[in-house]
Amino acid sequence: KIPKKIKNLAYRSVLSLKMKEDNVVIFDEIKLESAKTKELNSMLKDVISSPKAKLVVTSSENDLLIKRAGKNLPWLQVMDFQRLNVHALFYSDKLVFTAEAVKNLDNLLNKIKVEG
């Protein structure tokens, strides 16, 4: 099992790498009228140019419309911030976060103090 401090450092380093490469997009909120793939696809294509591997991180498991709409997009992976892992972060070309997910992830990572 990996110690919590090491895991926290891995999250921080991958997130900072993606930020430096300008591969992070943050939405205030992702609001869908219905769970239509076309609606989510058009929203993401406005922000993201090429359909390569993307990861959308939501704030809670209650964002069912986003998850349902994203199921039919093979290049898209949707997960909530609690199930986020370093592997998914690293191998995604673009990261799309909701503002609430960023806040929750920041609180989660700041619970574990890293000495450096």
PDB file of N, CA and C in Angstrom:
ATOM      1  N   LYS A   1       0.835  -1.181   0.000  1.00  0.00           N
ATOM      2  CA  LYS A   1       0.000   0.000   0.000  1.00  0.00           C
ATOM      3  C   LYS A   1       0.884   1.250   0.000  1.00  0.00           C
ATOM      4  N   ILE A   2       0.465   2.259  -0.753  1.00  0.00           N
ATOM      5  CA  ILE A   2       1.239   3.495  -0.880  1.00  0.00           C
ATOM      6  C   ILE A   2       0.876   4.437   0.276  1.00  0.00           C
ATOM      7  N   PRO A   3       1.889   5.014   0.942  1.00  0.00           N
ATOM      8  CA  PRO A   3       1.602   5.965   2.021  1.00  0.00           C
ATOM      9  C   PRO A   3       0.832   7.188   1.504  1.00  0.00           C
ATOM     10  N   LYS A   4       0.024   7.767   2.371  1.00  0.00           N
ATOM     11  CA  LYS A   4      -0.837   8.892   1.986  1.00  0.00           C
ATOM     12  C   LYS A   4      -0.027  10.100   1.512  1.00  0.00           C
ATOM     13  N   LYS A   5       1.110  10.360   2.143  1.00  0.00           N
ATOM     14  CA  LYS A   5       1.921  11.513   1.746  1.00  0.00           C
ATOM     15  C   LYS A   5       2.492  11.342   0.344  1.00  0.00           C
ATOM     16  N   ILE A   6       2.897  10.128   0.016  1.00  0.00           N
ATOM     17  CA  ILE A   6       3.447   9.859  -1.314  1.00  0.00           C
ATOM     18  C   ILE A   6       2.342   9.977  -2.364  1.00  0.00           C
ATOM     19  N   LYS A   7       1.161   9.454  -2.049  1.00  0.00           N
ATOM     20  CA  LYS A   7       0.027   9.541  -2.966  1.00  0.00           C
ATOM     21  C   LYS A   7      -0.358  11.000  -3.196  1.00  0.00           C
ATOM     22  N   ASN A   8      -0.335  11.789  -2.131  1.00  0.00           N
ATOM     23  CA  ASN A   8      -0.651  13.214  -2.216  1.00  0.00           C
ATOM     24  C   ASN A   8       0.363  13.936  -3.109  1.00  0.00           C
ATOM     25  N   LEU A   9       1.639  13.603  -2.965  1.00  0.00           N
ATOM     26  CA  LEU A   9       2.668  14.202  -3.818  1.00  0.00           C
ATOM     27  C   LEU A   9       2.461  13.833  -5.286  1.00  0.00           C
ATOM     28  N   ALA A  10       2.027  12.607  -5.544  1.00  0.00           N
ATOM     29  CA  ALA A  10       1.775  12.180  -6.916  1.00  0.00           C
ATOM     30  C   ALA A  10       0.629  12.992  -7.525  1.00  0.00           C
ATOM     31  N   TYR A  11      -0.458  13.175  -6.770  1.00  0.00           N
ATOM     32  CA  TYR A  11      -1.573  14.001  -7.250  1.00  0.00           C
ATOM     33  C   TYR A  11      -1.102  15.412  -7.562  1.00  0.00           C
ATOM     34  N   ARG A  12      -0.359  15.994  -6.635  1.00  0.00           N
ATOM     35  CA  ARG A  12       0.103  17.369  -6.808  1.00  0.00           C
ATOM     36  C   ARG A  12       1.027  17.518  -8.009  1.00  0.00           C
ATOM     37  N   SER A  13       1.933  16.571  -8.198  1.00  0.00           N
ATOM     38  CA  SER A  13       2.880  16.695  -9.308  1.00  0.00           C
ATOM     39  C   SER A  13       2.182  16.511 -10.663  1.00  0.00           C
ATOM     40  N   VAL A  14       1.237  15.573 -10.748  1.00  0.00           N
ATOM     41  CA  VAL A  14       0.526  15.379 -12.017  1.00  0.00           C
ATOM     42  C   VAL A  14      -0.354  16.591 -12.322  1.00  0.00           C
ATOM     43  N   LEU A  15      -1.045  17.101 -11.302  1.00  0.00           N
ATOM     44  CA  LEU A  15      -1.897  18.275 -11.525  1.00  0.00           C
ATOM     45  C   LEU A  15      -1.075  19.500 -11.915  1.00  0.00           C
ATOM     46  N   SER A  16       0.082  19.688 -11.286  1.00  0.00           N
ATOM     47  CA  SER A  16       0.910  20.841 -11.645  1.00  0.00           C
ATOM     48  C   SER A  16       1.494  20.684 -13.054  1.00  0.00           C
ATOM     49  N   LEU A  17       1.821  19.455 -13.443  1.00  0.00           N
ATOM     50  CA  LEU A  17       2.302  19.202 -14.801  1.00  0.00           C
ATOM     51  C   LEU A  17       1.226  19.544 -15.830  1.00  0.00           C
ATOM     52  N   LYS A  18      -0.006  19.122 -15.574  1.00  0.00           N
ATOM     53  CA  LYS A  18      -1.108  19.409 -16.502  1.00  0.00           C
ATOM     54  C   LYS A  18      -1.391  20.914 -16.564  1.00  0.00           C
ATOM     55  N   MET A  19      -1.260  21.602 -15.437  1.00  0.00           N
ATOM     56  CA  MET A  19      -1.459  23.054 -15.420  1.00  0.00           C
ATOM     57  C   MET A  19      -0.373  23.755 -16.233  1.00  0.00           C
ATOM     58  N   LYS A  20       0.874  23.313 -16.098  1.00  0.00           N
ATOM     59  CA  LYS A  20       1.973  23.922 -16.860  1.00  0.00           C
ATOM     60  C   LYS A  20       1.791  23.724 -18.357  1.00  0.00           C
ATOM     61  N   GLU A  21       1.257  22.567 -18.724  1.00  0.00           N
ATOM     62  CA  GLU A  21       1.034  22.271 -20.141  1.00  0.00           C
ATOM     63  C   GLU A  21      -0.256  22.902 -20.661  1.00  0.00           C
ATOM     64  N   ASP A  22      -0.959  23.608 -19.815  1.00  0.00           N
ATOM     65  CA  ASP A  22      -2.225  24.270 -20.153  1.00  0.00           C
ATOM     66  C   ASP A  22      -3.276  23.256 -20.611  1.00  0.00           C
ATOM     67  N   ASN A  23      -3.359  22.147 -19.887  1.00  0.00           N
ATOM     68  CA  ASN A  23      -4.296  21.081 -20.216  1.00  0.00           C
ATOM     69  C   ASN A  23      -5.388  20.918 -19.170  1.00  0.00           C
ATOM     70  N   VAL A  24      -5.705  21.995 -18.459  1.00  0.00           N
ATOM     71  CA  VAL A  24      -6.763  21.952 -17.445  1.00  0.00           C
ATOM     72  C   VAL A  24      -7.792  23.025 -17.790  1.00  0.00           C
ATOM     73  N   VAL A  25      -9.060  22.622 -17.794  1.00  0.00           N
ATOM     74  CA  VAL A  25     -10.170  23.534 -18.046  1.00  0.00           C
ATOM     75  C   VAL A  25     -11.095  23.449 -16.839  1.00  0.00           C
ATOM     76  N   ILE A  26     -11.509  24.605 -16.329  1.00  0.00           N
ATOM     77  CA  ILE A  26     -12.400  24.630 -15.169  1.00  0.00           C
ATOM     78  C   ILE A  26     -13.678  25.360 -15.539  1.00  0.00           C
ATOM     79  N   PHE A  27     -14.795  24.670 -15.394  1.00  0.00           N
ATOM     80  CA  PHE A  27     -16.123  25.252 -15.599  1.00  0.00           C
ATOM     81  C   PHE A  27     -16.692  25.662 -14.244  1.00  0.00           C
ATOM     82  N   ASP A  28     -17.460  26.753 -14.221  1.00  0.00           N
ATOM     83  CA  ASP A  28     -18.174  27.093 -12.981  1.00  0.00           C
ATOM     84  C   ASP A  28     -19.093  25.951 -12.601  1.00  0.00           C
ATOM     85  N   GLU A  29     -19.866  25.495 -13.587  1.00  0.00           N
ATOM     86  CA  GLU A  29     -20.669  24.292 -13.429  1.00  0.00           C
ATOM     87  C   GLU A  29     -21.025  23.763 -14.809  1.00  0.00           C
ATOM     88  N   ILE A  30     -21.242  22.481 -14.875  1.00  0.00           N
ATOM     89  CA  ILE A  30     -21.652  21.864 -16.128  1.00  0.00           C
ATOM     90  C   ILE A  30     -23.131  21.550 -15.983  1.00  0.00           C
ATOM     91  N   LYS A  31     -23.928  22.324 -16.671  1.00  0.00           N
ATOM     92  CA  LYS A  31     -25.384  22.207 -16.553  1.00  0.00           C
ATOM     93  C   LYS A  31     -25.937  21.663 -17.855  1.00  0.00           C
ATOM     94  N   LEU A  32     -26.579  20.514 -17.781  1.00  0.00           N
ATOM     95  CA  LEU A  32     -27.203  19.907 -18.945  1.00  0.00           C
ATOM     96  C   LEU A  32     -28.707  19.881 -18.756  1.00  0.00           C
ATOM     97  N   GLU A  33     -29.443  20.147 -19.829  1.00  0.00           N
ATOM     98  CA  GLU A  33     -30.905  20.088 -19.790  1.00  0.00           C
ATOM     99  C   GLU A  33     -31.371  18.641 -19.656  1.00  0.00           C
ATOM    100  N   SER A  34     -30.707  17.765 -20.414  1.00  0.00           N
ATOM    101  CA  SER A  34     -31.041  16.346 -20.373  1.00  0.00           C
ATOM    102  C   SER A  34     -29.748  15.550 -20.538  1.00  0.00           C
ATOM    103  N   ALA A  35     -29.838  14.255 -20.411  1.00  0.00           N
ATOM    104  CA  ALA A  35     -28.650  13.409 -20.498  1.00  0.00           C
ATOM    105  C   ALA A  35     -28.351  13.051 -21.946  1.00  0.00           C
ATOM    106  N   LYS A  36     -28.270  14.048 -22.803  1.00  0.00           N
ATOM    107  CA  LYS A  36     -28.007  13.833 -24.220  1.00  0.00           C
ATOM    108  C   LYS A  36     -26.516  13.976 -24.504  1.00  0.00           C
ATOM    109  N   THR A  37     -25.978  12.993 -25.209  1.00  0.00           N
ATOM    110  CA  THR A  37     -24.567  13.006 -25.566  1.00  0.00           C
ATOM    111  C   THR A  37     -24.242  14.189 -26.464  1.00  0.00           C
ATOM    112  N   LYS A  38     -25.142  14.517 -27.368  1.00  0.00           N
ATOM    113  CA  LYS A  38     -24.933  15.620 -28.304  1.00  0.00           C
ATOM    114  C   LYS A  38     -24.736  16.942 -27.562  1.00  0.00           C
ATOM    115  N   GLU A  39     -25.507  17.143 -26.515  1.00  0.00           N
ATOM    116  CA  GLU A  39     -25.427  18.380 -25.728  1.00  0.00           C
ATOM    117  C   GLU A  39     -24.078  18.496 -25.026  1.00  0.00           C
ATOM    118  N   LEU A  40     -23.634  17.407 -24.393  1.00  0.00           N
ATOM    119  CA  LEU A  40     -22.339  17.422 -23.701  1.00  0.00           C
ATOM    120  C   LEU A  40     -21.197  17.561 -24.705  1.00  0.00           C
ATOM    121  N   ASN A  41     -21.303  16.873 -25.817  1.00  0.00           N
ATOM    122  CA  ASN A  41     -20.271  16.930 -26.849  1.00  0.00           C
ATOM    123  C   ASN A  41     -20.107  18.349 -27.389  1.00  0.00           C
ATOM    124  N   SER A  42     -21.218  19.025 -27.659  1.00  0.00           N
ATOM    125  CA  SER A  42     -21.118  20.390 -28.179  1.00  0.00           C
ATOM    126  C   SER A  42     -20.554  21.346 -27.129  1.00  0.00           C
ATOM    127  N   MET A  43     -20.887  21.125 -25.863  1.00  0.00           N
ATOM    128  CA  MET A  43     -20.345  21.967 -24.792  1.00  0.00           C
ATOM    129  C   MET A  43     -18.837  21.794 -24.679  1.00  0.00           C
ATOM    130  N   LEU A  44     -18.366  20.566 -24.758  1.00  0.00           N
ATOM    131  CA  LEU A  44     -16.937  20.310 -24.623  1.00  0.00           C
ATOM    132  C   LEU A  44     -16.161  20.702 -25.871  1.00  0.00           C
ATOM    133  N   LYS A  45     -16.760  20.575 -27.048  1.00  0.00           N
ATOM    134  CA  LYS A  45     -16.057  20.943 -28.289  1.00  0.00           C
ATOM    135  C   LYS A  45     -15.823  22.439 -28.380  1.00  0.00           C
ATOM    136  N   ASP A  46     -16.650  23.242 -27.707  1.00  0.00           N
ATOM    137  CA  ASP A  46     -16.419  24.686 -27.686  1.00  0.00           C
ATOM    138  C   ASP A  46     -15.125  25.019 -26.954  1.00  0.00           C
ATOM    139  N   VAL A  47     -14.770  24.208 -25.981  1.00  0.00           N
ATOM    140  CA  VAL A  47     -13.607  24.479 -25.140  1.00  0.00           C
ATOM    141  C   VAL A  47     -12.394  23.654 -25.559  1.00  0.00           C
ATOM    142  N   ILE A  48     -12.654  22.423 -25.969  1.00  0.00           N
ATOM    143  CA  ILE A  48     -11.572  21.494 -26.277  1.00  0.00           C
ATOM    144  C   ILE A  48     -11.564  21.235 -27.782  1.00  0.00           C
ATOM    145  N   SER A  49     -10.423  21.418 -28.408  1.00  0.00           N
ATOM    146  CA  SER A  49     -10.368  21.354 -29.868  1.00  0.00           C
ATOM    147  C   SER A  49     -10.370  19.931 -30.428  1.00  0.00           C
ATOM    148  N   SER A  50      -9.535  19.042 -29.902  1.00  0.00           N
ATOM    149  CA  SER A  50      -9.443  17.709 -30.506  1.00  0.00           C
ATOM    150  C   SER A  50     -10.013  16.644 -29.568  1.00  0.00           C
ATOM    151  N   PRO A  51     -10.754  15.698 -30.132  1.00  0.00           N
ATOM    152  CA  PRO A  51     -11.330  14.646 -29.286  1.00  0.00           C
ATOM    153  C   PRO A  51     -10.334  13.536 -28.981  1.00  0.00           C
ATOM    154  N   LYS A  52      -9.398  13.821 -28.099  1.00  0.00           N
ATOM    155  CA  LYS A  52      -8.487  12.793 -27.605  1.00  0.00           C
ATOM    156  C   LYS A  52      -8.959  12.415 -26.209  1.00  0.00           C
ATOM    157  N   ALA A  53      -8.169  11.669 -25.495  1.00  0.00           N
ATOM    158  CA  ALA A  53      -8.571  11.204 -24.173  1.00  0.00           C
ATOM    159  C   ALA A  53      -8.785  12.381 -23.224  1.00  0.00           C
ATOM    160  N   LYS A  54      -9.985  12.480 -22.704  1.00  0.00           N
ATOM    161  CA  LYS A  54     -10.346  13.570 -21.794  1.00  0.00           C
ATOM    162  C   LYS A  54     -10.899  12.988 -20.502  1.00  0.00           C
ATOM    163  N   LEU A  55     -10.778  13.743 -19.447  1.00  0.00           N
ATOM    164  CA  LEU A  55     -11.313  13.343 -18.160  1.00  0.00           C
ATOM    165  C   LEU A  55     -12.131  14.494 -17.606  1.00  0.00           C
ATOM    166  N   VAL A  56     -13.389  14.244 -17.312  1.00  0.00           N
ATOM    167  CA  VAL A  56     -14.253  15.246 -16.700  1.00  0.00           C
ATOM    168  C   VAL A  56     -14.425  14.863 -15.242  1.00  0.00           C
ATOM    169  N   VAL A  57     -14.079  15.774 -14.353  1.00  0.00           N
ATOM    170  CA  VAL A  57     -14.191  15.523 -12.924  1.00  0.00           C
ATOM    171  C   VAL A  57     -15.323  16.362 -12.380  1.00  0.00           C
ATOM    172  N   THR A  58     -16.313  15.707 -11.793  1.00  0.00           N
ATOM    173  CA  THR A  58     -17.472  16.392 -11.247  1.00  0.00           C
ATOM    174  C   THR A  58     -17.363  16.457  -9.731  1.00  0.00           C
ATOM    175  N   SER A  59     -18.279  17.196  -9.137  1.00  0.00           N
ATOM    176  CA  SER A  59     -18.194  17.434  -7.701  1.00  0.00           C
ATOM    177  C   SER A  59     -18.812  16.329  -6.867  1.00  0.00           C
ATOM    178  N   SER A  60     -19.759  15.604  -7.405  1.00  0.00           N
ATOM    179  CA  SER A  60     -20.398  14.560  -6.611  1.00  0.00           C
ATOM    180  C   SER A  60     -20.941  13.470  -7.516  1.00  0.00           C
ATOM    181  N   GLU A  61     -21.376  12.400  -6.913  1.00  0.00           N
ATOM    182  CA  GLU A  61     -21.951  11.304  -7.687  1.00  0.00           C
ATOM    183  C   GLU A  61     -23.363  11.642  -8.141  1.00  0.00           C
ATOM    184  N   ASN A  62     -23.885  12.771  -7.734  1.00  0.00           N
ATOM    185  CA  ASN A  62     -25.237  13.164  -8.107  1.00  0.00           C
ATOM    186  C   ASN A  62     -25.311  13.764  -9.505  1.00  0.00           C
ATOM    187  N   ASP A  63     -24.212  13.937 -10.159  1.00  0.00           N
ATOM    188  CA  ASP A  63     -24.195  14.489 -11.510  1.00  0.00           C
ATOM    189  C   ASP A  63     -24.482  13.393 -12.529  1.00  0.00           C
ATOM    190  N   LEU A  64     -25.624  12.763 -12.404  1.00  0.00           N
ATOM    191  CA  LEU A  64     -25.977  11.621 -13.246  1.00  0.00           C
ATOM    192  C   LEU A  64     -26.166  12.005 -14.706  1.00  0.00           C
ATOM    193  N   LEU A  65     -26.666  13.211 -14.962  1.00  0.00           N
ATOM    194  CA  LEU A  65     -26.866  13.632 -16.347  1.00  0.00           C
ATOM    195  C   LEU A  65     -25.541  13.687 -17.107  1.00  0.00           C
ATOM    196  N   ILE A  66     -24.515  14.183 -16.459  1.00  0.00           N
ATOM    197  CA  ILE A  66     -23.196  14.279 -17.092  1.00  0.00           C
ATOM    198  C   ILE A  66     -22.639  12.884 -17.339  1.00  0.00           C
ATOM    199  N   LYS A  67     -22.804  12.007 -16.363  1.00  0.00           N
ATOM    200  CA  LYS A  67     -22.289  10.641 -16.520  1.00  0.00           C
ATOM    201  C   LYS A  67     -23.020   9.887 -17.619  1.00  0.00           C
ATOM    202  N   ARG A  68     -24.321  10.043 -17.682  1.00  0.00           N
ATOM    203  CA  ARG A  68     -25.090   9.365 -18.731  1.00  0.00           C
ATOM    204  C   ARG A  68     -24.740   9.909 -20.112  1.00  0.00           C
ATOM    205  N   ALA A  69     -24.604  11.223 -20.211  1.00  0.00           N
ATOM    206  CA  ALA A  69     -24.288  11.831 -21.504  1.00  0.00           C
ATOM    207  C   ALA A  69     -22.882  11.456 -21.956  1.00  0.00           C
ATOM    208  N   GLY A  70     -21.975  11.266 -21.027  1.00  0.00           N
ATOM    209  CA  GLY A  70     -20.590  10.953 -21.370  1.00  0.00           C
ATOM    210  C   GLY A  70     -20.331   9.498 -21.690  1.00  0.00           C
ATOM    211  N   LYS A  71     -21.280   8.619 -21.398  1.00  0.00           N
ATOM    212  CA  LYS A  71     -21.069   7.187 -21.639  1.00  0.00           C
ATOM    213  C   LYS A  71     -20.856   6.857 -23.111  1.00  0.00           C
ATOM    214  N   ASN A  72     -21.487   7.588 -24.002  1.00  0.00           N
ATOM    215  CA  ASN A  72     -21.409   7.279 -25.431  1.00  0.00           C
ATOM    216  C   ASN A  72     -20.248   7.948 -26.142  1.00  0.00           C
ATOM    217  N   LEU A  73     -19.460   8.693 -25.421  1.00  0.00           N
ATOM    218  CA  LEU A  73     -18.279   9.329 -26.016  1.00  0.00           C
ATOM    219  C   LEU A  73     -17.054   8.492 -25.652  1.00  0.00           C
ATOM    220  N   PRO A  74     -16.480   7.775 -26.607  1.00  0.00           N
ATOM    221  CA  PRO A  74     -15.381   6.852 -26.282  1.00  0.00           C
ATOM    222  C   PRO A  74     -14.117   7.554 -25.799  1.00  0.00           C
ATOM    223  N   TRP A  75     -13.952   8.804 -26.139  1.00  0.00           N
ATOM    224  CA  TRP A  75     -12.745   9.545 -25.752  1.00  0.00           C
ATOM    225  C   TRP A  75     -12.912  10.272 -24.422  1.00  0.00           C
ATOM    226  N   LEU A  76     -14.053  10.084 -23.769  1.00  0.00           N
ATOM    227  CA  LEU A  76     -14.352  10.826 -22.545  1.00  0.00           C
ATOM    228  C   LEU A  76     -14.538   9.876 -21.368  1.00  0.00           C
ATOM    229  N   GLN A  77     -13.969  10.265 -20.246  1.00  0.00           N
ATOM    230  CA  GLN A  77     -14.155   9.521 -19.005  1.00  0.00           C
ATOM    231  C   GLN A  77     -14.689  10.504 -17.966  1.00  0.00           C
ATOM    232  N   VAL A  78     -15.780  10.153 -17.311  1.00  0.00           N
ATOM    233  CA  VAL A  78     -16.400  11.024 -16.309  1.00  0.00           C
ATOM    234  C   VAL A  78     -16.290  10.341 -14.951  1.00  0.00           C
ATOM    235  N   MET A  79     -15.775  11.055 -13.976  1.00  0.00           N
ATOM    236  CA  MET A  79     -15.709  10.512 -12.611  1.00  0.00           C
ATOM    237  C   MET A  79     -15.827  11.643 -11.608  1.00  0.00           C
ATOM    238  N   ASP A  80     -16.242  11.291 -10.400  1.00  0.00           N
ATOM    239  CA  ASP A  80     -16.317  12.317  -9.371  1.00  0.00           C
ATOM    240  C   ASP A  80     -14.957  12.435  -8.678  1.00  0.00           C
ATOM    241  N   PHE A  81     -14.772  13.525  -7.941  1.00  0.00           N
ATOM    242  CA  PHE A  81     -13.451  13.821  -7.387  1.00  0.00           C
ATOM    243  C   PHE A  81     -13.017  12.782  -6.357  1.00  0.00           C
ATOM    244  N   GLN A  82     -13.950  12.092  -5.726  1.00  0.00           N
ATOM    245  CA  GLN A  82     -13.608  11.103  -4.700  1.00  0.00           C
ATOM    246  C   GLN A  82     -13.020   9.832  -5.309  1.00  0.00           C
ATOM    247  N   ARG A  83     -13.354   9.550  -6.548  1.00  0.00           N
ATOM    248  CA  ARG A  83     -12.847   8.347  -7.211  1.00  0.00           C
ATOM    249  C   ARG A  83     -11.658   8.643  -8.129  1.00  0.00           C
ATOM    250  N   LEU A  84     -11.179   9.842  -8.090  1.00  0.00           N
ATOM    251  CA  LEU A  84     -10.084  10.265  -8.947  1.00  0.00           C
ATOM    252  C   LEU A  84      -8.807   9.516  -8.588  1.00  0.00           C
ATOM    253  N   ASN A  85      -8.040   9.129  -9.602  1.00  0.00           N
ATOM    254  CA  ASN A  85      -6.768   8.462  -9.349  1.00  0.00           C
ATOM    255  C   ASN A  85      -5.684   9.070 -10.232  1.00  0.00           C
ATOM    256  N   VAL A  86      -4.453   8.861  -9.833  1.00  0.00           N
ATOM    257  CA  VAL A  86      -3.316   9.470 -10.521  1.00  0.00           C
ATOM    258  C   VAL A  86      -3.193   8.913 -11.941  1.00  0.00           C
ATOM    259  N   HIS A  87      -3.483   7.660 -12.131  1.00  0.00           N
ATOM    260  CA  HIS A  87      -3.400   7.041 -13.456  1.00  0.00           C
ATOM    261  C   HIS A  87      -4.335   7.741 -14.435  1.00  0.00           C
ATOM    262  N   ALA A  88      -5.568   7.979 -14.023  1.00  0.00           N
ATOM    263  CA  ALA A  88      -6.539   8.664 -14.891  1.00  0.00           C
ATOM    264  C   ALA A  88      -6.094  10.094 -15.177  1.00  0.00           C
ATOM    265  N   LEU A  89      -5.544  10.772 -14.185  1.00  0.00           N
ATOM    266  CA  LEU A  89      -5.061  12.138 -14.393  1.00  0.00           C
ATOM    267  C   LEU A  89      -3.903  12.171 -15.387  1.00  0.00           C
ATOM    268  N   PHE A  90      -2.961  11.281 -15.209  1.00  0.00           N
ATOM    269  CA  PHE A  90      -1.745  11.312 -16.022  1.00  0.00           C
ATOM    270  C   PHE A  90      -2.021  10.966 -17.479  1.00  0.00           C
ATOM    271  N   TYR A  91      -2.856   9.977 -17.730  1.00  0.00           N
ATOM    272  CA  TYR A  91      -3.071   9.513 -19.091  1.00  0.00           C
ATOM    273  C   TYR A  91      -4.196  10.228 -19.826  1.00  0.00           C
ATOM    274  N   SER A  92      -4.773  11.241 -19.249  1.00  0.00           N
ATOM    275  CA  SER A  92      -5.762  12.061 -19.939  1.00  0.00           C
ATOM    276  C   SER A  92      -5.062  13.252 -20.565  1.00  0.00           C
ATOM    277  N   ASP A  93      -5.414  13.543 -21.809  1.00  0.00           N
ATOM    278  CA  ASP A  93      -4.791  14.682 -22.488  1.00  0.00           C
ATOM    279  C   ASP A  93      -5.283  16.002 -21.920  1.00  0.00           C
ATOM    280  N   LYS A  94      -6.571  16.078 -21.645  1.00  0.00           N
ATOM    281  CA  LYS A  94      -7.171  17.292 -21.071  1.00  0.00           C
ATOM    282  C   LYS A  94      -7.944  16.918 -19.826  1.00  0.00           C
ATOM    283  N   LEU A  95      -7.919  17.792 -18.846  1.00  0.00           N
ATOM    284  CA  LEU A  95      -8.698  17.613 -17.624  1.00  0.00           C
ATOM    285  C   LEU A  95      -9.752  18.709 -17.570  1.00  0.00           C
ATOM    286  N   VAL A  96     -10.991  18.309 -17.352  1.00  0.00           N
ATOM    287  CA  VAL A  96     -12.087  19.258 -17.238  1.00  0.00           C
ATOM    288  C   VAL A  96     -12.672  19.100 -15.849  1.00  0.00           C
ATOM    289  N   PHE A  97     -12.617  20.175 -15.073  1.00  0.00           N
ATOM    290  CA  PHE A  97     -13.115  20.158 -13.704  1.00  0.00           C
ATOM    291  C   PHE A  97     -14.299  21.101 -13.567  1.00  0.00           C
ATOM    292  N   THR A  98     -15.180  20.800 -12.632  1.00  0.00           N
ATOM    293  CA  THR A  98     -16.142  21.803 -12.190  1.00  0.00           C
ATOM    294  C   THR A  98     -15.469  22.570 -11.053  1.00  0.00           C
ATOM    295  N   ALA A  99     -15.895  23.788 -10.818  1.00  0.00           N
ATOM    296  CA  ALA A  99     -15.281  24.610  -9.772  1.00  0.00           C
ATOM    297  C   ALA A  99     -15.446  23.968  -8.404  1.00  0.00           C
ATOM    298  N   GLU A 100     -16.591  23.367  -8.171  1.00  0.00           N
ATOM    299  CA  GLU A 100     -16.826  22.705  -6.889  1.00  0.00           C
ATOM    300  C   GLU A 100     -15.919  21.488  -6.717  1.00  0.00           C
ATOM    301  N   ALA A 101     -15.645  20.770  -7.794  1.00  0.00           N
ATOM    302  CA  ALA A 101     -14.745  19.620  -7.734  1.00  0.00           C
ATOM    303  C   ALA A 101     -13.329  20.061  -7.391  1.00  0.00           C
ATOM    304  N   VAL A 102     -12.906  21.197  -7.945  1.00  0.00           N
ATOM    305  CA  VAL A 102     -11.570  21.723  -7.636  1.00  0.00           C
ATOM    306  C   VAL A 102     -11.480  22.090  -6.162  1.00  0.00           C
ATOM    307  N   LYS A 103     -12.513  22.733  -5.663  1.00  0.00           N
ATOM    308  CA  LYS A 103     -12.537  23.114  -4.251  1.00  0.00           C
ATOM    309  C   LYS A 103     -12.500  21.877  -3.345  1.00  0.00           C
ATOM    310  N   ASN A 104     -13.296  20.875  -3.681  1.00  0.00           N
ATOM    311  CA  ASN A 104     -13.331  19.646  -2.884  1.00  0.00           C
ATOM    312  C   ASN A 104     -12.015  18.884  -2.962  1.00  0.00           C
ATOM    313  N   LEU A 105     -11.420  18.838  -4.130  1.00  0.00           N
ATOM    314  CA  LEU A 105     -10.133  18.166  -4.294  1.00  0.00           C
ATOM    315  C   LEU A 105      -9.037  18.899  -3.539  1.00  0.00           C
ATOM    316  N   ASP A 106      -9.076  20.216  -3.553  1.00  0.00           N
ATOM    317  CA  ASP A 106      -8.103  21.011  -2.804  1.00  0.00           C
ATOM    318  C   ASP A 106      -8.222  20.744  -1.307  1.00  0.00           C
ATOM    319  N   ASN A 107      -9.449  20.693  -0.806  1.00  0.00           N
ATOM    320  CA  ASN A 107      -9.653  20.388   0.617  1.00  0.00           C
ATOM    321  C   ASN A 107      -9.143  18.999   0.953  1.00  0.00           C
ATOM    322  N   LEU A 108      -9.372  18.042   0.075  1.00  0.00           N
ATOM    323  CA  LEU A 108      -8.933  16.673   0.297  1.00  0.00           C
ATOM    324  C   LEU A 108      -7.409  16.577   0.317  1.00  0.00           C
ATOM    325  N   LEU A 109      -6.751  17.259  -0.614  1.00  0.00           N
ATOM    326  CA  LEU A 109      -5.289  17.193  -0.675  1.00  0.00           C
ATOM    327  C   LEU A 109      -4.623  17.975   0.449  1.00  0.00           C
ATOM    328  N   ASN A 110      -5.282  19.012   0.936  1.00  0.00           N
ATOM    329  CA  ASN A 110      -4.698  19.824   2.006  1.00  0.00           C
ATOM    330  C   ASN A 110      -4.888  19.206   3.385  1.00  0.00           C
ATOM    331  N   LYS A 111      -5.693  18.150   3.495  1.00  0.00           N
ATOM    332  CA  LYS A 111      -5.834  17.476   4.783  1.00  0.00           C
ATOM    333  C   LYS A 111      -4.541  16.789   5.177  1.00  0.00           C
ATOM    334  N   ILE A 112      -3.820  16.311   4.175  1.00  0.00           N
ATOM    335  CA  ILE A 112      -2.552  15.620   4.406  1.00  0.00           C
ATOM    336  C   ILE A 112      -1.422  16.607   4.183  1.00  0.00           C
ATOM    337  N   LYS A 113      -0.719  16.926   5.229  1.00  0.00           N
ATOM    338  CA  LYS A 113       0.376  17.896   5.117  1.00  0.00           C
ATOM    339  C   LYS A 113       1.617  17.210   4.561  1.00  0.00           C
ATOM    340  N   VAL A 114       2.197  17.829   3.578  1.00  0.00           N
ATOM    341  CA  VAL A 114       3.397  17.290   2.947  1.00  0.00           C
ATOM    342  C   VAL A 114       4.574  18.151   3.368  1.00  0.00           C
ATOM    343  N   GLU A 115       5.565  17.495   3.909  1.00  0.00           N
ATOM    344  CA  GLU A 115       6.768  18.221   4.322  1.00  0.00           C
ATOM    345  C   GLU A 115       7.753  18.207   3.174  1.00  0.00           C
ATOM    346  N   GLY A 116       8.361  19.335   2.907  1.00  0.00           N
ATOM    347  CA  GLY A 116       9.253  19.346   1.761  1.00  0.00           C
ATOM    348  C   GLY A 116      10.258  20.355   1.832  1.00  0.00           C
TER     349      GLY A 116
END
